[in-house]
Amino acid sequence: MVTGQNKWRQLKSAGKLARLQRSFAPSDQLPVVVAVLPLDTRSTTSPITATLASLMQSALPTPLVAVDADGVSQPLRRLLSSSGAGDLIGLAASHDASLSRARVTDFVDTAAAVPLATCWLDGPGAIPPESLRSAVWKLQRRFPSVIIDVPHGVPKSTIAVATGLASHIVLVGDPQDLGHSWLHKGKSILAEAARRKAVTVVAVGGSDESRAACDHDDVVPIPQRQTAGYRAGTVSIPTDTEELFAFTTLLQRVTGNAPAQSPSA
């Protein structure tokens, strides 16, 4: 039963989202591929990925799929209310899915809050890099926009593939991670992406002071309470003004580096 107060919160959230869509001009947006990675061992990526995926699904004009690159723990299954369906490894190996967009959906959990691609529930395991590459290519034929969750435990070779596929990279950390000048140096994929403003550092528990303290203007602070309740259940679009502003700021950054063209048919 929806109480008057809850109904008012839903209306407020819908109004904020409508304003975002008007100012954001989604009709001008091209498909995006976002990879979410941890900055260090203290960082948890999946809550940020799940919340951002929910917002992207509501705001972007192209269909979106979330990819769980951790085929062992599969953290996105719980956060996105997965039914248990989906088989990313099977998708990567499927010849039929290479030929038909419609067959791609057979390997995706479309009953989840956001369509979800991850390992078969009864056969979890590390996702090989070439399987991830092949699966994302096939997914984009049906779901042009993709967000890939790359938490701790994912093989380095698979991390490299996810990073290489991304039009924007989100690095999840905390206010102690603001000294990241190293990110903008060298010739790595991350450094090159950072120089073209295709990297965003999420400071969980940060504030406007965290943003101002960064020399590179690539930090988005996310309130700590946004991640506090994830152990209890699923995620959705934030209704709190501060949280919604933080995630819409993140959304605007990750969609600012869309690829030059969408995948071919």
C-alpha atoms as a PDB file:
ATOM      1  CA  MET A   1       0.000   0.000   0.000  1.00  0.00           C
ATOM      2  CA  VAL A   2       1.379   3.405  -1.023  1.00  0.00           C
ATOM      3  CA  THR A   3       1.030   5.961   1.749  1.00  0.00           C
ATOM      4  CA  GLY A   4       0.529   9.649   1.081  1.00  0.00           C
ATOM      5  CA  GLN A   5       4.096  10.400   2.092  1.00  0.00           C
ATOM      6  CA  ASN A   6       5.547   7.683  -0.142  1.00  0.00           C
ATOM      7  CA  LYS A   7       3.397   8.813  -3.038  1.00  0.00           C
ATOM      8  CA  TRP A   8       4.674  12.353  -2.582  1.00  0.00           C
ATOM      9  CA  ARG A   9       8.286  11.107  -2.589  1.00  0.00           C
ATOM     10  CA  GLN A  10       7.638   9.170  -5.802  1.00  0.00           C
ATOM     11  CA  LEU A  11       6.126  12.243  -7.440  1.00  0.00           C
ATOM     12  CA  LYS A  12       9.079  14.387  -6.347  1.00  0.00           C
ATOM     13  CA  SER A  13      11.532  11.836  -7.730  1.00  0.00           C
ATOM     14  CA  ALA A  14       9.613  11.604 -11.016  1.00  0.00           C
ATOM     15  CA  GLY A  15       9.609  15.386 -11.284  1.00  0.00           C
ATOM     16  CA  LYS A  16      13.358  15.582 -10.725  1.00  0.00           C
ATOM     17  CA  LEU A  17      13.940  12.892 -13.323  1.00  0.00           C
ATOM     18  CA  ALA A  18      11.726  14.735 -15.817  1.00  0.00           C
ATOM     19  CA  ARG A  19      13.764  17.896 -15.309  1.00  0.00           C
ATOM     20  CA  LEU A  20      16.953  15.912 -15.783  1.00  0.00           C
ATOM     21  CA  GLN A  21      15.699  14.482 -19.053  1.00  0.00           C
ATOM     22  CA  ARG A  22      14.727  17.919 -20.388  1.00  0.00           C
ATOM     23  CA  SER A  23      18.083  19.491 -19.563  1.00  0.00           C
ATOM     24  CA  PHE A  24      20.029  16.375 -20.517  1.00  0.00           C
ATOM     25  CA  ALA A  25      18.516  16.092 -24.039  1.00  0.00           C
ATOM     26  CA  PRO A  26      18.617  12.268 -24.212  1.00  0.00           C
ATOM     27  CA  SER A  27      17.666  12.339 -27.900  1.00  0.00           C
ATOM     28  CA  ASP A  28      21.154  13.705 -28.592  1.00  0.00           C
ATOM     29  CA  GLN A  29      22.920  10.874 -26.731  1.00  0.00           C
ATOM     30  CA  LEU A  30      24.745   8.016 -28.399  1.00  0.00           C
ATOM     31  CA  PRO A  31      25.112   4.554 -26.827  1.00  0.00           C
ATOM     32  CA  VAL A  32      27.680   4.321 -24.037  1.00  0.00           C
ATOM     33  CA  VAL A  33      29.779   1.581 -22.439  1.00  0.00           C
ATOM     34  CA  VAL A  34      30.621   2.288 -18.789  1.00  0.00           C
ATOM     35  CA  ALA A  35      33.077   0.214 -16.746  1.00  0.00           C
ATOM     36  CA  VAL A  36      32.988   0.570 -12.940  1.00  0.00           C
ATOM     37  CA  LEU A  37      36.196  -0.453 -11.115  1.00  0.00           C
ATOM     38  CA  PRO A  38      37.535  -0.153  -7.547  1.00  0.00           C
ATOM     39  CA  LEU A  39      40.386   2.222  -6.769  1.00  0.00           C
ATOM     40  CA  ASP A  40      41.670  -0.016  -3.973  1.00  0.00           C
ATOM     41  CA  THR A  41      40.731  -2.976  -1.800  1.00  0.00           C
ATOM     42  CA  ARG A  42      38.514  -0.814   0.424  1.00  0.00           C
ATOM     43  CA  SER A  43      36.170   0.072  -2.429  1.00  0.00           C
ATOM     44  CA  THR A  44      32.920  -1.695  -3.297  1.00  0.00           C
ATOM     45  CA  THR A  45      31.756  -1.102  -6.854  1.00  0.00           C
ATOM     46  CA  SER A  46      28.488  -3.025  -7.164  1.00  0.00           C
ATOM     47  CA  PRO A  47      26.168  -0.647  -5.216  1.00  0.00           C
ATOM     48  CA  ILE A  48      27.357   2.282  -7.347  1.00  0.00           C
ATOM     49  CA  THR A  49      26.975   0.218 -10.534  1.00  0.00           C
ATOM     50  CA  ALA A  50      23.457  -0.922  -9.662  1.00  0.00           C
ATOM     51  CA  THR A  51      22.227   2.565  -8.755  1.00  0.00           C
ATOM     52  CA  LEU A  52      23.806   4.182 -11.809  1.00  0.00           C
ATOM     53  CA  ALA A  53      22.339   1.433 -14.010  1.00  0.00           C
ATOM     54  CA  SER A  54      18.856   2.153 -12.673  1.00  0.00           C
ATOM     55  CA  LEU A  55      19.236   5.845 -13.458  1.00  0.00           C
ATOM     56  CA  MET A  56      20.737   5.212 -16.896  1.00  0.00           C
ATOM     57  CA  GLN A  57      17.844   2.909 -17.759  1.00  0.00           C
ATOM     58  CA  SER A  58      15.373   5.677 -16.926  1.00  0.00           C
ATOM     59  CA  ALA A  59      17.218   8.525 -18.634  1.00  0.00           C
ATOM     60  CA  LEU A  60      18.924   7.125 -21.740  1.00  0.00           C
ATOM     61  CA  PRO A  61      17.106   6.722 -25.064  1.00  0.00           C
ATOM     62  CA  THR A  62      18.774   3.393 -25.912  1.00  0.00           C
ATOM     63  CA  PRO A  63      18.150   0.030 -24.194  1.00  0.00           C
ATOM     64  CA  LEU A  64      20.637  -0.733 -21.414  1.00  0.00           C
ATOM     65  CA  VAL A  65      22.087  -3.974 -20.052  1.00  0.00           C
ATOM     66  CA  ALA A  66      24.178  -4.442 -16.905  1.00  0.00           C
ATOM     67  CA  VAL A  67      27.078  -6.905 -17.051  1.00  0.00           C
ATOM     68  CA  ASP A  68      28.421  -8.590 -13.918  1.00  0.00           C
ATOM     69  CA  ALA A  69      32.093  -9.324 -14.648  1.00  0.00           C
ATOM     70  CA  ASP A  70      32.391 -11.211 -11.333  1.00  0.00           C
ATOM     71  CA  GLY A  71      31.074 -14.575 -12.435  1.00  0.00           C
ATOM     72  CA  VAL A  72      31.807 -16.162  -9.042  1.00  0.00           C
ATOM     73  CA  SER A  73      30.031 -13.957  -6.480  1.00  0.00           C
ATOM     74  CA  GLN A  74      27.678 -12.309  -9.006  1.00  0.00           C
ATOM     75  CA  PRO A  75      26.859  -9.334  -6.716  1.00  0.00           C
ATOM     76  CA  LEU A  76      24.528  -7.628  -9.187  1.00  0.00           C
ATOM     77  CA  ARG A  77      22.063 -10.517  -9.030  1.00  0.00           C
ATOM     78  CA  ARG A  78      20.856  -9.506  -5.563  1.00  0.00           C
ATOM     79  CA  LEU A  79      21.091  -5.755  -6.071  1.00  0.00           C
ATOM     80  CA  LEU A  80      19.043  -5.849  -9.284  1.00  0.00           C
ATOM     81  CA  SER A  81      16.504  -8.441  -8.039  1.00  0.00           C
ATOM     82  CA  SER A  82      17.602 -11.106 -10.512  1.00  0.00           C
ATOM     83  CA  SER A  83      15.316 -14.042 -11.180  1.00  0.00           C
ATOM     84  CA  GLY A  84      18.362 -16.297 -11.583  1.00  0.00           C
ATOM     85  CA  ALA A  85      18.241 -16.366 -15.383  1.00  0.00           C
ATOM     86  CA  GLY A  86      21.035 -15.392 -17.717  1.00  0.00           C
ATOM     87  CA  ASP A  87      24.138 -17.050 -19.134  1.00  0.00           C
ATOM     88  CA  LEU A  88      26.937 -14.717 -20.240  1.00  0.00           C
ATOM     89  CA  ILE A  89      29.338 -17.551 -21.104  1.00  0.00           C
ATOM     90  CA  GLY A  90      26.647 -19.226 -23.193  1.00  0.00           C
ATOM     91  CA  LEU A  91      26.020 -15.931 -24.975  1.00  0.00           C
ATOM     92  CA  ALA A  92      29.704 -15.549 -25.786  1.00  0.00           C
ATOM     93  CA  ALA A  93      29.746 -19.054 -27.299  1.00  0.00           C
ATOM     94  CA  SER A  94      26.413 -18.798 -29.157  1.00  0.00           C
ATOM     95  CA  HIS A  95      26.633 -18.648 -32.942  1.00  0.00           C
ATOM     96  CA  ASP A  96      22.912 -17.936 -33.207  1.00  0.00           C
ATOM     97  CA  ALA A  97      23.275 -14.834 -31.015  1.00  0.00           C
ATOM     98  CA  SER A  98      25.903 -13.565 -33.471  1.00  0.00           C
ATOM     99  CA  LEU A  99      23.356 -13.710 -36.264  1.00  0.00           C
ATOM    100  CA  SER A 100      20.133 -12.666 -34.527  1.00  0.00           C
ATOM    101  CA  ARG A 101      19.447  -9.799 -32.136  1.00  0.00           C
ATOM    102  CA  ALA A 102      16.411 -11.639 -30.820  1.00  0.00           C
ATOM    103  CA  ARG A 103      18.501 -14.601 -29.649  1.00  0.00           C
ATOM    104  CA  VAL A 104      20.666 -12.329 -27.471  1.00  0.00           C
ATOM    105  CA  THR A 105      17.753 -11.866 -25.082  1.00  0.00           C
ATOM    106  CA  ASP A 106      17.678 -15.636 -24.419  1.00  0.00           C
ATOM    107  CA  PHE A 107      20.932 -15.270 -22.454  1.00  0.00           C
ATOM    108  CA  VAL A 108      19.924 -12.180 -20.418  1.00  0.00           C
ATOM    109  CA  ASP A 109      17.868 -11.934 -17.236  1.00  0.00           C
ATOM    110  CA  THR A 110      15.241  -9.527 -18.542  1.00  0.00           C
ATOM    111  CA  ALA A 111      13.150  -9.921 -15.360  1.00  0.00           C
ATOM    112  CA  ALA A 112      15.783  -8.098 -13.273  1.00  0.00           C
ATOM    113  CA  ALA A 113      15.332  -4.423 -12.368  1.00  0.00           C
ATOM    114  CA  VAL A 114      17.832  -3.714 -15.165  1.00  0.00           C
ATOM    115  CA  PRO A 115      18.423  -6.408 -17.832  1.00  0.00           C
ATOM    116  CA  LEU A 116      21.360  -8.399 -16.479  1.00  0.00           C
ATOM    117  CA  ALA A 117      24.050 -10.524 -18.116  1.00  0.00           C
ATOM    118  CA  THR A 118      26.214 -12.707 -15.884  1.00  0.00           C
ATOM    119  CA  CYS A 119      27.301 -16.322 -15.478  1.00  0.00           C
ATOM    120  CA  TRP A 120      24.777 -19.120 -15.373  1.00  0.00           C
ATOM    121  CA  LEU A 121      23.595 -19.305 -11.764  1.00  0.00           C
ATOM    122  CA  ASP A 122      24.322 -23.043 -11.468  1.00  0.00           C
ATOM    123  CA  GLY A 123      27.770 -22.745 -13.035  1.00  0.00           C
ATOM    124  CA  PRO A 124      29.549 -19.693 -11.602  1.00  0.00           C
ATOM    125  CA  GLY A 125      33.167 -19.076 -12.471  1.00  0.00           C
ATOM    126  CA  ALA A 126      35.704 -16.479 -13.538  1.00  0.00           C
ATOM    127  CA  ILE A 127      34.785 -14.860 -16.841  1.00  0.00           C
ATOM    128  CA  PRO A 128      37.611 -15.177 -19.424  1.00  0.00           C
ATOM    129  CA  PRO A 129      38.569 -11.943 -21.194  1.00  0.00           C
ATOM    130  CA  GLU A 130      37.599 -13.140 -24.673  1.00  0.00           C
ATOM    131  CA  SER A 131      34.221 -14.310 -23.372  1.00  0.00           C
ATOM    132  CA  LEU A 132      33.557 -10.840 -21.967  1.00  0.00           C
ATOM    133  CA  ARG A 133      34.617  -9.188 -25.220  1.00  0.00           C
ATOM    134  CA  SER A 134      32.442 -11.471 -27.357  1.00  0.00           C
ATOM    135  CA  ALA A 135      29.453 -11.187 -25.016  1.00  0.00           C
ATOM    136  CA  VAL A 136      29.541  -7.377 -24.918  1.00  0.00           C
ATOM    137  CA  TRP A 137      29.717  -7.194 -28.713  1.00  0.00           C
ATOM    138  CA  LYS A 138      26.629  -9.418 -28.989  1.00  0.00           C
ATOM    139  CA  LEU A 139      24.814  -7.614 -26.179  1.00  0.00           C
ATOM    140  CA  GLN A 140      25.228  -4.269 -27.932  1.00  0.00           C
ATOM    141  CA  ARG A 141      23.285  -5.579 -30.916  1.00  0.00           C
ATOM    142  CA  ARG A 142      20.216  -5.736 -28.652  1.00  0.00           C
ATOM    143  CA  PHE A 143      21.213  -3.360 -25.823  1.00  0.00           C
ATOM    144  CA  PRO A 144      23.340  -0.547 -27.315  1.00  0.00           C
ATOM    145  CA  SER A 145      24.261   0.916 -23.915  1.00  0.00           C
ATOM    146  CA  VAL A 146      26.178  -1.267 -21.432  1.00  0.00           C
ATOM    147  CA  ILE A 147      27.393  -0.826 -17.842  1.00  0.00           C
ATOM    148  CA  ILE A 148      29.994  -3.351 -16.628  1.00  0.00           C
ATOM    149  CA  ASP A 149      30.575  -3.972 -12.935  1.00  0.00           C
ATOM    150  CA  VAL A 150      34.218  -4.998 -12.341  1.00  0.00           C
ATOM    151  CA  PRO A 151      34.614  -5.640  -8.581  1.00  0.00           C
ATOM    152  CA  HIS A 152      37.530  -7.183  -6.687  1.00  0.00           C
ATOM    153  CA  GLY A 153      38.418 -10.704  -7.719  1.00  0.00           C
ATOM    154  CA  VAL A 154      38.004 -10.244 -11.467  1.00  0.00           C
ATOM    155  CA  PRO A 155      41.092 -11.508 -13.389  1.00  0.00           C
ATOM    156  CA  LYS A 156      43.465  -8.755 -14.527  1.00  0.00           C
ATOM    157  CA  SER A 157      43.107  -9.770 -18.169  1.00  0.00           C
ATOM    158  CA  THR A 158      39.314  -9.436 -17.925  1.00  0.00           C
ATOM    159  CA  ILE A 159      39.694  -6.038 -16.228  1.00  0.00           C
ATOM    160  CA  ALA A 160      41.880  -4.931 -19.153  1.00  0.00           C
ATOM    161  CA  VAL A 161      39.203  -5.959 -21.670  1.00  0.00           C
ATOM    162  CA  ALA A 162      36.419  -4.176 -19.740  1.00  0.00           C
ATOM    163  CA  THR A 163      38.541  -1.028 -19.534  1.00  0.00           C
ATOM    164  CA  GLY A 164      39.360  -1.188 -23.230  1.00  0.00           C
ATOM    165  CA  LEU A 165      35.687  -1.535 -24.187  1.00  0.00           C
ATOM    166  CA  ALA A 166      34.552   1.435 -22.094  1.00  0.00           C
ATOM    167  CA  SER A 167      33.658   4.857 -23.426  1.00  0.00           C
ATOM    168  CA  HIS A 168      33.831   6.022 -19.787  1.00  0.00           C
ATOM    169  CA  ILE A 169      35.494   4.527 -16.706  1.00  0.00           C
ATOM    170  CA  VAL A 170      34.233   5.034 -13.158  1.00  0.00           C
ATOM    171  CA  LEU A 171      36.749   4.446 -10.355  1.00  0.00           C
ATOM    172  CA  VAL A 172      35.124   3.963  -6.946  1.00  0.00           C
ATOM    173  CA  GLY A 173      37.070   5.148  -3.913  1.00  0.00           C
ATOM    174  CA  ASP A 174      36.693   7.371  -0.855  1.00  0.00           C
ATOM    175  CA  PRO A 175      37.858  10.882   0.123  1.00  0.00           C
ATOM    176  CA  GLN A 176      41.324   9.479   0.842  1.00  0.00           C
ATOM    177  CA  ASP A 177      41.722   8.651  -2.852  1.00  0.00           C
ATOM    178  CA  LEU A 178      41.689  12.244  -4.093  1.00  0.00           C
ATOM    179  CA  GLY A 179      45.448  12.389  -4.639  1.00  0.00           C
ATOM    180  CA  HIS A 180      45.318  10.539  -7.942  1.00  0.00           C
ATOM    181  CA  SER A 181      47.703  12.572 -10.104  1.00  0.00           C
ATOM    182  CA  TRP A 182      49.218   9.213 -11.111  1.00  0.00           C
ATOM    183  CA  LEU A 183      46.029   8.569 -13.042  1.00  0.00           C
ATOM    184  CA  HIS A 184      46.822  11.334 -15.524  1.00  0.00           C
ATOM    185  CA  LYS A 185      50.424  10.267 -16.179  1.00  0.00           C
ATOM    186  CA  GLY A 186      51.935   7.618 -18.399  1.00  0.00           C
ATOM    187  CA  LYS A 187      50.544   5.797 -21.436  1.00  0.00           C
ATOM    188  CA  SER A 188      48.154   3.318 -19.845  1.00  0.00           C
ATOM    189  CA  ILE A 189      44.526   2.966 -20.965  1.00  0.00           C
ATOM    190  CA  LEU A 190      43.428   4.710 -17.757  1.00  0.00           C
ATOM    191  CA  ALA A 191      45.828   7.610 -18.252  1.00  0.00           C
ATOM    192  CA  GLU A 192      44.771   8.138 -21.853  1.00  0.00           C
ATOM    193  CA  ALA A 193      41.099   8.009 -20.856  1.00  0.00           C
ATOM    194  CA  ALA A 194      41.688  10.443 -17.985  1.00  0.00           C
ATOM    195  CA  ARG A 195      43.350  12.956 -20.321  1.00  0.00           C
ATOM    196  CA  ARG A 196      40.265  12.987 -22.556  1.00  0.00           C
ATOM    197  CA  LYS A 197      37.997  13.347 -19.497  1.00  0.00           C
ATOM    198  CA  ALA A 198      36.647   9.807 -19.845  1.00  0.00           C
ATOM    199  CA  VAL A 199      37.386   8.856 -16.208  1.00  0.00           C
ATOM    200  CA  THR A 200      35.400   9.813 -13.118  1.00  0.00           C
ATOM    201  CA  VAL A 201      36.513   9.146  -9.541  1.00  0.00           C
ATOM    202  CA  VAL A 202      33.575   8.503  -7.203  1.00  0.00           C
ATOM    203  CA  ALA A 203      34.394   9.509  -3.623  1.00  0.00           C
ATOM    204  CA  VAL A 204      31.943   7.561  -1.446  1.00  0.00           C
ATOM    205  CA  GLY A 205      31.368   9.546   1.729  1.00  0.00           C
ATOM    206  CA  GLY A 206      32.848  12.652   0.125  1.00  0.00           C
ATOM    207  CA  SER A 207      31.477  16.192   0.026  1.00  0.00           C
ATOM    208  CA  ASP A 208      31.798  19.389  -1.986  1.00  0.00           C
ATOM    209  CA  GLU A 209      35.083  19.922  -0.185  1.00  0.00           C
ATOM    210  CA  SER A 210      36.257  16.621  -1.700  1.00  0.00           C
ATOM    211  CA  ARG A 211      35.369  17.884  -5.148  1.00  0.00           C
ATOM    212  CA  ALA A 212      37.134  21.212  -4.602  1.00  0.00           C
ATOM    213  CA  ALA A 213      40.257  19.478  -3.290  1.00  0.00           C
ATOM    214  CA  CYS A 214      40.825  17.665  -6.587  1.00  0.00           C
ATOM    215  CA  ASP A 215      43.182  19.316  -9.076  1.00  0.00           C
ATOM    216  CA  HIS A 216      41.710  17.506 -12.072  1.00  0.00           C
ATOM    217  CA  ASP A 217      37.968  18.240 -11.792  1.00  0.00           C
ATOM    218  CA  ASP A 218      37.059  14.563 -12.134  1.00  0.00           C
ATOM    219  CA  VAL A 219      35.709  13.739  -8.653  1.00  0.00           C
ATOM    220  CA  VAL A 220      32.007  13.168  -7.908  1.00  0.00           C
ATOM    221  CA  PRO A 221      31.258  12.794  -4.170  1.00  0.00           C
ATOM    222  CA  ILE A 222      28.484  10.316  -3.276  1.00  0.00           C
ATOM    223  CA  PRO A 223      26.881  10.482   0.207  1.00  0.00           C
ATOM    224  CA  GLN A 224      27.906   7.583   2.437  1.00  0.00           C
ATOM    225  CA  ARG A 225      24.301   6.749   3.278  1.00  0.00           C
ATOM    226  CA  GLN A 226      23.670   5.912  -0.374  1.00  0.00           C
ATOM    227  CA  THR A 227      25.594   2.667   0.128  1.00  0.00           C
ATOM    228  CA  ALA A 228      24.602   1.961   3.740  1.00  0.00           C
ATOM    229  CA  GLY A 229      21.435  -0.043   3.069  1.00  0.00           C
ATOM    230  CA  TYR A 230      22.540  -2.255   0.208  1.00  0.00           C
ATOM    231  CA  ARG A 231      23.181  -5.274   2.420  1.00  0.00           C
ATOM    232  CA  ALA A 232      19.460  -5.414   3.121  1.00  0.00           C
ATOM    233  CA  GLY A 233      18.198  -5.581  -0.449  1.00  0.00           C
ATOM    234  CA  THR A 234      17.900  -4.027  -3.859  1.00  0.00           C
ATOM    235  CA  VAL A 235      18.636  -0.580  -5.236  1.00  0.00           C
ATOM    236  CA  SER A 236      16.660   1.968  -7.218  1.00  0.00           C
ATOM    237  CA  ILE A 237      16.785   5.587  -8.325  1.00  0.00           C
ATOM    238  CA  PRO A 238      17.576   7.762  -5.265  1.00  0.00           C
ATOM    239  CA  THR A 239      14.828  10.020  -3.947  1.00  0.00           C
ATOM    240  CA  ASP A 240      16.965  12.081  -1.571  1.00  0.00           C
ATOM    241  CA  THR A 241      17.910  15.401  -3.203  1.00  0.00           C
ATOM    242  CA  GLU A 242      21.614  15.177  -2.388  1.00  0.00           C
ATOM    243  CA  GLU A 243      21.899  11.587  -3.579  1.00  0.00           C
ATOM    244  CA  LEU A 244      19.938  12.249  -6.759  1.00  0.00           C
ATOM    245  CA  PHE A 245      22.105  15.258  -7.587  1.00  0.00           C
ATOM    246  CA  ALA A 246      25.283  13.220  -7.076  1.00  0.00           C
ATOM    247  CA  PHE A 247      24.167  10.393  -9.336  1.00  0.00           C
ATOM    248  CA  THR A 248      22.793  12.664 -12.056  1.00  0.00           C
ATOM    249  CA  THR A 249      26.133  14.487 -12.050  1.00  0.00           C
ATOM    250  CA  LEU A 250      27.813  11.102 -12.483  1.00  0.00           C
ATOM    251  CA  LEU A 251      25.334  10.233 -15.252  1.00  0.00           C
ATOM    252  CA  GLN A 252      26.127  13.414 -17.139  1.00  0.00           C
ATOM    253  CA  ARG A 253      29.843  12.649 -16.963  1.00  0.00           C
ATOM    254  CA  VAL A 254      29.642   9.017 -18.099  1.00  0.00           C
ATOM    255  CA  THR A 255      27.452   9.869 -21.097  1.00  0.00           C
ATOM    256  CA  GLY A 256      29.741  12.663 -22.257  1.00  0.00           C
ATOM    257  CA  ASN A 257      32.167  10.266 -23.977  1.00  0.00           C
ATOM    258  CA  ALA A 258      29.911   8.223 -26.203  1.00  0.00           C
ATOM    259  CA  PRO A 259      31.526   6.240 -29.030  1.00  0.00           C
ATOM    260  CA  ALA A 260      31.497   7.730 -32.501  1.00  0.00           C
ATOM    261  CA  GLN A 261      28.917   5.251 -33.753  1.00  0.00           C
ATOM    262  CA  SER A 262      26.700   2.465 -32.499  1.00  0.00           C
ATOM    263  CA  PRO A 263      27.455  -1.211 -33.232  1.00  0.00           C
ATOM    264  CA  SER A 264      26.619  -2.430 -36.723  1.00  0.00           C
ATOM    265  CA  ALA A 265      23.680  -4.721 -37.298  1.00  0.00           C
END
